[in-house]
Amino acid sequence: MAGSYSGTTTIVLPELNERASCPPTTSVSQNGGNVSIAPLTLGGECGGLTIPVGADSIDHAGGLNVVGATTTRAACGTYNVIGSGGFFGREFRFSINMTSTTCYNMNMTINLSR
């Protein structure tokens, strides 16, 4: 699972009925059942936006879950983040739902390969 990844990301802002496609890059390091994922850097329409991912553990099938993590955005407030996905052969696929009472909600679908 360790290596450099790139692929496609679709970001949907439901309240605005807007969608953006942003090519992501990241790198993954692995130590046994633990992985560390560098921040995603989103190019294209996202102009270099970075999204922190961090460390997690993977199950025997390559799945991982990010639940209850939060990230703060200075311009609008705090997001509650729920995500899931995992590694499937040379691919890393996951989705993230970000909700907030003060910011626009975001849904992201990320498909990466190495």
N, C-alpha and C. Protein backbone atom coordinates (compact mmCIF):
# COMPACT_ATOMS: atom_id res chain seq x y z
N MET A 1 0.80 -1.19 0.00
CA MET A 1 0.00 0.00 0.00
C MET A 1 0.85 1.26 0.00
N ALA A 2 2.09 1.13 0.42
CA ALA A 2 2.97 2.30 0.46
C ALA A 2 3.30 2.76 -0.95
N GLY A 3 3.39 4.07 -1.11
CA GLY A 3 3.76 4.63 -2.40
C GLY A 3 3.10 5.97 -2.65
N SER A 4 3.32 6.49 -3.85
CA SER A 4 2.72 7.75 -4.27
C SER A 4 1.44 7.46 -5.05
N TYR A 5 0.42 8.25 -4.80
CA TYR A 5 -0.89 8.04 -5.42
C TYR A 5 -1.36 9.31 -6.12
N SER A 6 -2.11 9.13 -7.20
CA SER A 6 -2.77 10.24 -7.89
C SER A 6 -4.06 9.71 -8.50
N GLY A 7 -4.97 10.61 -8.87
CA GLY A 7 -6.23 10.14 -9.43
C GLY A 7 -7.24 11.24 -9.63
N THR A 8 -8.48 10.98 -9.20
CA THR A 8 -9.57 11.93 -9.38
C THR A 8 -10.31 12.17 -8.06
N THR A 9 -10.78 13.38 -7.89
CA THR A 9 -11.63 13.73 -6.75
C THR A 9 -12.81 14.53 -7.27
N THR A 10 -13.99 14.19 -6.80
CA THR A 10 -15.18 14.97 -7.08
C THR A 10 -15.68 15.55 -5.77
N ILE A 11 -15.86 16.85 -5.73
CA ILE A 11 -16.37 17.54 -4.55
C ILE A 11 -17.74 18.11 -4.90
N VAL A 12 -18.73 17.81 -4.06
CA VAL A 12 -20.09 18.32 -4.25
C VAL A 12 -20.45 19.21 -3.07
N LEU A 13 -20.95 20.40 -3.38
CA LEU A 13 -21.48 21.33 -2.38
C LEU A 13 -23.00 21.33 -2.56
N PRO A 14 -23.73 20.51 -1.78
CA PRO A 14 -25.17 20.32 -2.02
C PRO A 14 -26.00 21.60 -1.95
N GLU A 15 -25.74 22.47 -0.99
CA GLU A 15 -26.55 23.67 -0.85
C GLU A 15 -26.40 24.62 -2.04
N LEU A 16 -25.26 24.58 -2.69
CA LEU A 16 -25.01 25.46 -3.83
C LEU A 16 -25.27 24.78 -5.17
N ASN A 17 -25.55 23.47 -5.11
CA ASN A 17 -25.71 22.68 -6.32
C ASN A 17 -24.48 22.83 -7.23
N GLU A 18 -23.29 22.80 -6.60
CA GLU A 18 -22.02 22.96 -7.31
C GLU A 18 -21.22 21.68 -7.21
N ARG A 19 -20.40 21.45 -8.23
CA ARG A 19 -19.53 20.27 -8.29
C ARG A 19 -18.18 20.70 -8.85
N ALA A 20 -17.10 20.16 -8.31
CA ALA A 20 -15.76 20.45 -8.80
C ALA A 20 -14.99 19.14 -8.96
N SER A 21 -14.15 19.09 -9.98
CA SER A 21 -13.25 17.95 -10.20
C SER A 21 -11.84 18.43 -9.97
N CYS A 22 -11.14 17.75 -9.07
CA CYS A 22 -9.81 18.20 -8.66
C CYS A 22 -8.86 17.00 -8.61
N PRO A 23 -7.82 16.98 -9.46
CA PRO A 23 -6.89 15.85 -9.42
C PRO A 23 -6.05 15.87 -8.14
N PRO A 24 -6.12 14.78 -7.33
CA PRO A 24 -5.38 14.73 -6.08
C PRO A 24 -4.05 13.99 -6.19
N THR A 25 -3.14 14.31 -5.30
CA THR A 25 -1.92 13.53 -5.10
C THR A 25 -1.71 13.37 -3.60
N THR A 26 -1.11 12.26 -3.22
CA THR A 26 -0.73 12.01 -1.83
C THR A 26 0.30 10.89 -1.82
N SER A 27 0.84 10.62 -0.66
CA SER A 27 1.72 9.47 -0.50
C SER A 27 1.32 8.72 0.76
N VAL A 28 1.58 7.42 0.75
CA VAL A 28 1.19 6.55 1.85
C VAL A 28 2.42 5.78 2.32
N SER A 29 2.62 5.75 3.63
CA SER A 29 3.65 4.87 4.20
C SER A 29 2.94 3.83 5.05
N GLN A 30 3.56 2.67 5.22
CA GLN A 30 2.91 1.57 5.92
C GLN A 30 3.90 0.88 6.84
N ASN A 31 3.40 0.50 8.02
CA ASN A 31 4.15 -0.28 8.98
C ASN A 31 3.20 -1.34 9.51
N GLY A 32 3.25 -2.53 8.94
CA GLY A 32 2.32 -3.58 9.33
C GLY A 32 0.90 -3.20 8.97
N GLY A 33 0.00 -3.22 9.97
CA GLY A 33 -1.40 -2.87 9.75
C GLY A 33 -1.69 -1.40 9.93
N ASN A 34 -0.65 -0.58 10.05
CA ASN A 34 -0.84 0.86 10.22
C ASN A 34 -0.36 1.59 8.98
N VAL A 35 -1.14 2.59 8.57
CA VAL A 35 -0.77 3.42 7.43
C VAL A 35 -0.76 4.88 7.87
N SER A 36 0.08 5.65 7.22
CA SER A 36 0.11 7.09 7.42
C SER A 36 -0.06 7.72 6.04
N ILE A 37 -1.08 8.54 5.91
CA ILE A 37 -1.43 9.14 4.62
C ILE A 37 -1.12 10.63 4.69
N ALA A 38 -0.25 11.08 3.78
CA ALA A 38 0.11 12.50 3.71
C ALA A 38 -1.12 13.30 3.31
N PRO A 39 -1.14 14.60 3.58
CA PRO A 39 -2.28 15.41 3.16
C PRO A 39 -2.53 15.28 1.66
N LEU A 40 -3.80 15.23 1.28
CA LEU A 40 -4.17 15.25 -0.13
C LEU A 40 -3.96 16.66 -0.66
N THR A 41 -3.32 16.78 -1.78
CA THR A 41 -3.19 18.07 -2.45
C THR A 41 -4.08 18.02 -3.69
N LEU A 42 -5.06 18.92 -3.74
CA LEU A 42 -6.03 18.93 -4.82
C LEU A 42 -5.71 20.04 -5.81
N GLY A 43 -5.46 19.66 -7.05
CA GLY A 43 -5.15 20.63 -8.10
C GLY A 43 -6.39 21.01 -8.87
N GLY A 44 -6.20 21.45 -10.11
CA GLY A 44 -7.31 21.81 -10.98
C GLY A 44 -8.17 22.91 -10.39
N GLU A 45 -9.48 22.71 -10.37
CA GLU A 45 -10.43 23.69 -9.87
C GLU A 45 -10.23 24.01 -8.39
N CYS A 46 -9.52 23.15 -7.67
CA CYS A 46 -9.33 23.35 -6.22
C CYS A 46 -8.08 24.16 -5.91
N GLY A 47 -7.26 24.46 -6.92
CA GLY A 47 -6.14 25.38 -6.77
C GLY A 47 -5.12 25.06 -5.69
N GLY A 48 -4.80 23.78 -5.46
CA GLY A 48 -3.77 23.43 -4.49
C GLY A 48 -4.28 23.26 -3.06
N LEU A 49 -5.58 23.18 -2.86
CA LEU A 49 -6.15 22.95 -1.54
C LEU A 49 -5.57 21.67 -0.95
N THR A 50 -5.22 21.69 0.33
CA THR A 50 -4.72 20.48 0.99
C THR A 50 -5.72 20.02 2.04
N ILE A 51 -5.88 18.71 2.13
CA ILE A 51 -6.78 18.10 3.11
C ILE A 51 -5.98 17.12 3.94
N PRO A 52 -5.88 17.36 5.26
CA PRO A 52 -5.12 16.43 6.10
C PRO A 52 -5.84 15.10 6.22
N VAL A 53 -5.07 14.00 6.19
CA VAL A 53 -5.66 12.67 6.36
C VAL A 53 -5.07 12.03 7.61
N GLY A 54 -3.77 11.74 7.64
CA GLY A 54 -3.11 11.26 8.85
C GLY A 54 -2.98 9.76 8.95
N ALA A 55 -2.87 9.29 10.19
CA ALA A 55 -2.60 7.88 10.47
C ALA A 55 -3.89 7.13 10.76
N ASP A 56 -3.90 5.86 10.40
CA ASP A 56 -5.04 5.00 10.67
C ASP A 56 -4.56 3.55 10.60
N SER A 57 -5.42 2.66 11.01
CA SER A 57 -5.10 1.24 10.87
C SER A 57 -6.00 0.67 9.78
N ILE A 58 -5.54 -0.41 9.16
CA ILE A 58 -6.32 -1.07 8.12
C ILE A 58 -6.70 -2.45 8.59
N ASP A 59 -7.86 -2.92 8.15
CA ASP A 59 -8.26 -4.28 8.51
C ASP A 59 -7.67 -5.28 7.51
N HIS A 60 -7.96 -6.54 7.70
CA HIS A 60 -7.38 -7.60 6.86
C HIS A 60 -7.76 -7.47 5.38
N ALA A 61 -8.84 -6.76 5.08
CA ALA A 61 -9.27 -6.60 3.69
C ALA A 61 -8.80 -5.27 3.09
N GLY A 62 -8.04 -4.47 3.86
CA GLY A 62 -7.54 -3.19 3.35
C GLY A 62 -8.44 -2.01 3.64
N GLY A 63 -9.53 -2.23 4.40
CA GLY A 63 -10.46 -1.14 4.70
C GLY A 63 -9.98 -0.27 5.85
N LEU A 64 -10.36 1.00 5.83
CA LEU A 64 -10.09 1.91 6.94
C LEU A 64 -11.29 2.80 7.14
N ASN A 65 -11.41 3.37 8.33
CA ASN A 65 -12.51 4.28 8.64
C ASN A 65 -11.99 5.49 9.39
N VAL A 66 -12.49 6.64 8.99
CA VAL A 66 -12.21 7.88 9.69
C VAL A 66 -13.55 8.39 10.19
N VAL A 67 -13.78 8.33 11.49
CA VAL A 67 -15.08 8.71 12.03
C VAL A 67 -14.90 9.72 13.14
N GLY A 68 -15.66 10.79 13.11
CA GLY A 68 -15.67 11.76 14.18
C GLY A 68 -14.51 12.72 14.19
N ALA A 69 -13.66 12.68 13.16
CA ALA A 69 -12.57 13.65 13.09
C ALA A 69 -13.15 15.02 12.79
N THR A 70 -12.50 16.07 13.24
CA THR A 70 -12.96 17.42 12.93
C THR A 70 -11.80 18.23 12.38
N THR A 71 -12.12 19.19 11.56
CA THR A 71 -11.13 20.12 11.06
C THR A 71 -11.73 21.51 11.14
N THR A 72 -10.95 22.49 11.45
CA THR A 72 -11.45 23.85 11.61
C THR A 72 -11.03 24.70 10.42
N ARG A 73 -11.96 25.46 9.90
CA ARG A 73 -11.68 26.39 8.81
C ARG A 73 -11.85 27.79 9.37
N ALA A 74 -10.84 28.59 9.28
CA ALA A 74 -10.86 29.94 9.86
C ALA A 74 -11.98 30.80 9.30
N ALA A 75 -12.33 30.62 8.02
CA ALA A 75 -13.31 31.50 7.39
C ALA A 75 -14.75 31.23 7.83
N CYS A 76 -15.05 30.00 8.25
CA CYS A 76 -16.48 29.73 8.51
C CYS A 76 -16.77 28.90 9.75
N GLY A 77 -15.85 28.20 10.32
CA GLY A 77 -16.15 27.41 11.52
C GLY A 77 -15.56 26.02 11.48
N THR A 78 -16.29 25.06 12.08
CA THR A 78 -15.80 23.70 12.26
C THR A 78 -16.65 22.71 11.48
N TYR A 79 -15.99 21.73 10.88
CA TYR A 79 -16.67 20.65 10.18
C TYR A 79 -16.65 19.38 11.02
N ASN A 80 -17.73 18.60 10.98
CA ASN A 80 -17.74 17.23 11.46
C ASN A 80 -17.48 16.36 10.24
N VAL A 81 -16.53 15.44 10.37
CA VAL A 81 -16.09 14.66 9.22
C VAL A 81 -16.33 13.18 9.47
N ILE A 82 -16.97 12.52 8.51
CA ILE A 82 -17.15 11.07 8.55
C ILE A 82 -16.67 10.54 7.20
N GLY A 83 -15.78 9.57 7.23
CA GLY A 83 -15.25 9.03 5.99
C GLY A 83 -15.07 7.54 6.07
N SER A 84 -15.02 6.91 4.91
CA SER A 84 -14.74 5.48 4.87
C SER A 84 -14.14 5.13 3.51
N GLY A 85 -13.49 4.01 3.47
CA GLY A 85 -12.88 3.55 2.23
C GLY A 85 -11.77 2.59 2.53
N GLY A 86 -10.85 2.45 1.58
CA GLY A 86 -9.74 1.57 1.82
C GLY A 86 -8.91 1.32 0.58
N PHE A 87 -8.03 0.36 0.72
CA PHE A 87 -7.08 -0.01 -0.33
C PHE A 87 -7.59 -1.26 -1.03
N PHE A 88 -7.59 -1.23 -2.35
CA PHE A 88 -8.05 -2.34 -3.16
C PHE A 88 -7.00 -2.58 -4.23
N GLY A 89 -6.08 -3.51 -3.97
CA GLY A 89 -4.96 -3.73 -4.88
C GLY A 89 -4.09 -2.48 -4.94
N ARG A 90 -3.91 -1.89 -6.12
CA ARG A 90 -3.09 -0.69 -6.29
C ARG A 90 -3.93 0.58 -6.18
N GLU A 91 -5.20 0.46 -5.78
CA GLU A 91 -6.09 1.61 -5.68
C GLU A 91 -6.40 1.95 -4.24
N PHE A 92 -6.62 3.24 -3.98
CA PHE A 92 -7.04 3.76 -2.69
C PHE A 92 -8.28 4.58 -2.97
N ARG A 93 -9.43 4.11 -2.50
CA ARG A 93 -10.70 4.78 -2.75
C ARG A 93 -11.38 5.08 -1.42
N PHE A 94 -11.91 6.31 -1.30
CA PHE A 94 -12.67 6.63 -0.11
C PHE A 94 -13.59 7.80 -0.35
N SER A 95 -14.54 7.96 0.56
CA SER A 95 -15.47 9.08 0.49
C SER A 95 -15.48 9.78 1.84
N ILE A 96 -15.71 11.07 1.78
CA ILE A 96 -15.73 11.90 2.99
C ILE A 96 -16.98 12.77 2.94
N ASN A 97 -17.72 12.81 4.04
CA ASN A 97 -18.86 13.71 4.19
C ASN A 97 -18.53 14.70 5.29
N MET A 98 -18.55 15.98 4.93
CA MET A 98 -18.22 17.04 5.88
C MET A 98 -19.46 17.89 6.11
N THR A 99 -19.90 17.98 7.37
CA THR A 99 -21.08 18.76 7.69
C THR A 99 -20.73 19.85 8.70
N SER A 100 -21.46 20.95 8.62
CA SER A 100 -21.21 22.09 9.49
C SER A 100 -22.49 22.89 9.65
N THR A 101 -22.60 23.56 10.78
CA THR A 101 -23.75 24.46 10.98
C THR A 101 -23.42 25.87 10.50
N THR A 102 -22.15 26.15 10.20
CA THR A 102 -21.75 27.49 9.79
C THR A 102 -21.09 27.55 8.42
N CYS A 103 -20.78 26.42 7.82
CA CYS A 103 -20.12 26.35 6.51
C CYS A 103 -20.98 25.54 5.55
N TYR A 104 -20.69 25.64 4.27
CA TYR A 104 -21.37 24.78 3.30
C TYR A 104 -20.94 23.34 3.50
N ASN A 105 -21.88 22.41 3.45
CA ASN A 105 -21.56 20.99 3.54
C ASN A 105 -20.82 20.56 2.29
N MET A 106 -19.98 19.53 2.43
CA MET A 106 -19.21 19.00 1.29
C MET A 106 -19.23 17.48 1.33
N ASN A 107 -19.34 16.89 0.15
CA ASN A 107 -19.22 15.44 -0.04
C ASN A 107 -18.12 15.22 -1.04
N MET A 108 -17.15 14.39 -0.70
CA MET A 108 -16.02 14.14 -1.59
C MET A 108 -15.90 12.64 -1.89
N THR A 109 -15.64 12.35 -3.15
CA THR A 109 -15.36 10.98 -3.59
C THR A 109 -13.96 11.01 -4.19
N ILE A 110 -13.06 10.19 -3.63
CA ILE A 110 -11.65 10.22 -4.02
C ILE A 110 -11.24 8.84 -4.52
N ASN A 111 -10.68 8.79 -5.72
CA ASN A 111 -10.19 7.55 -6.31
C ASN A 111 -8.74 7.77 -6.73
N LEU A 112 -7.84 7.01 -6.10
CA LEU A 112 -6.41 7.16 -6.35
C LEU A 112 -5.82 5.81 -6.77
N SER A 113 -4.74 5.87 -7.51
CA SER A 113 -3.99 4.65 -7.82
C SER A 113 -2.51 4.96 -7.79
N ARG A 114 -1.69 3.92 -7.61
CA ARG A 114 -0.23 4.13 -7.59
C ARG A 114 0.40 3.43 -8.75
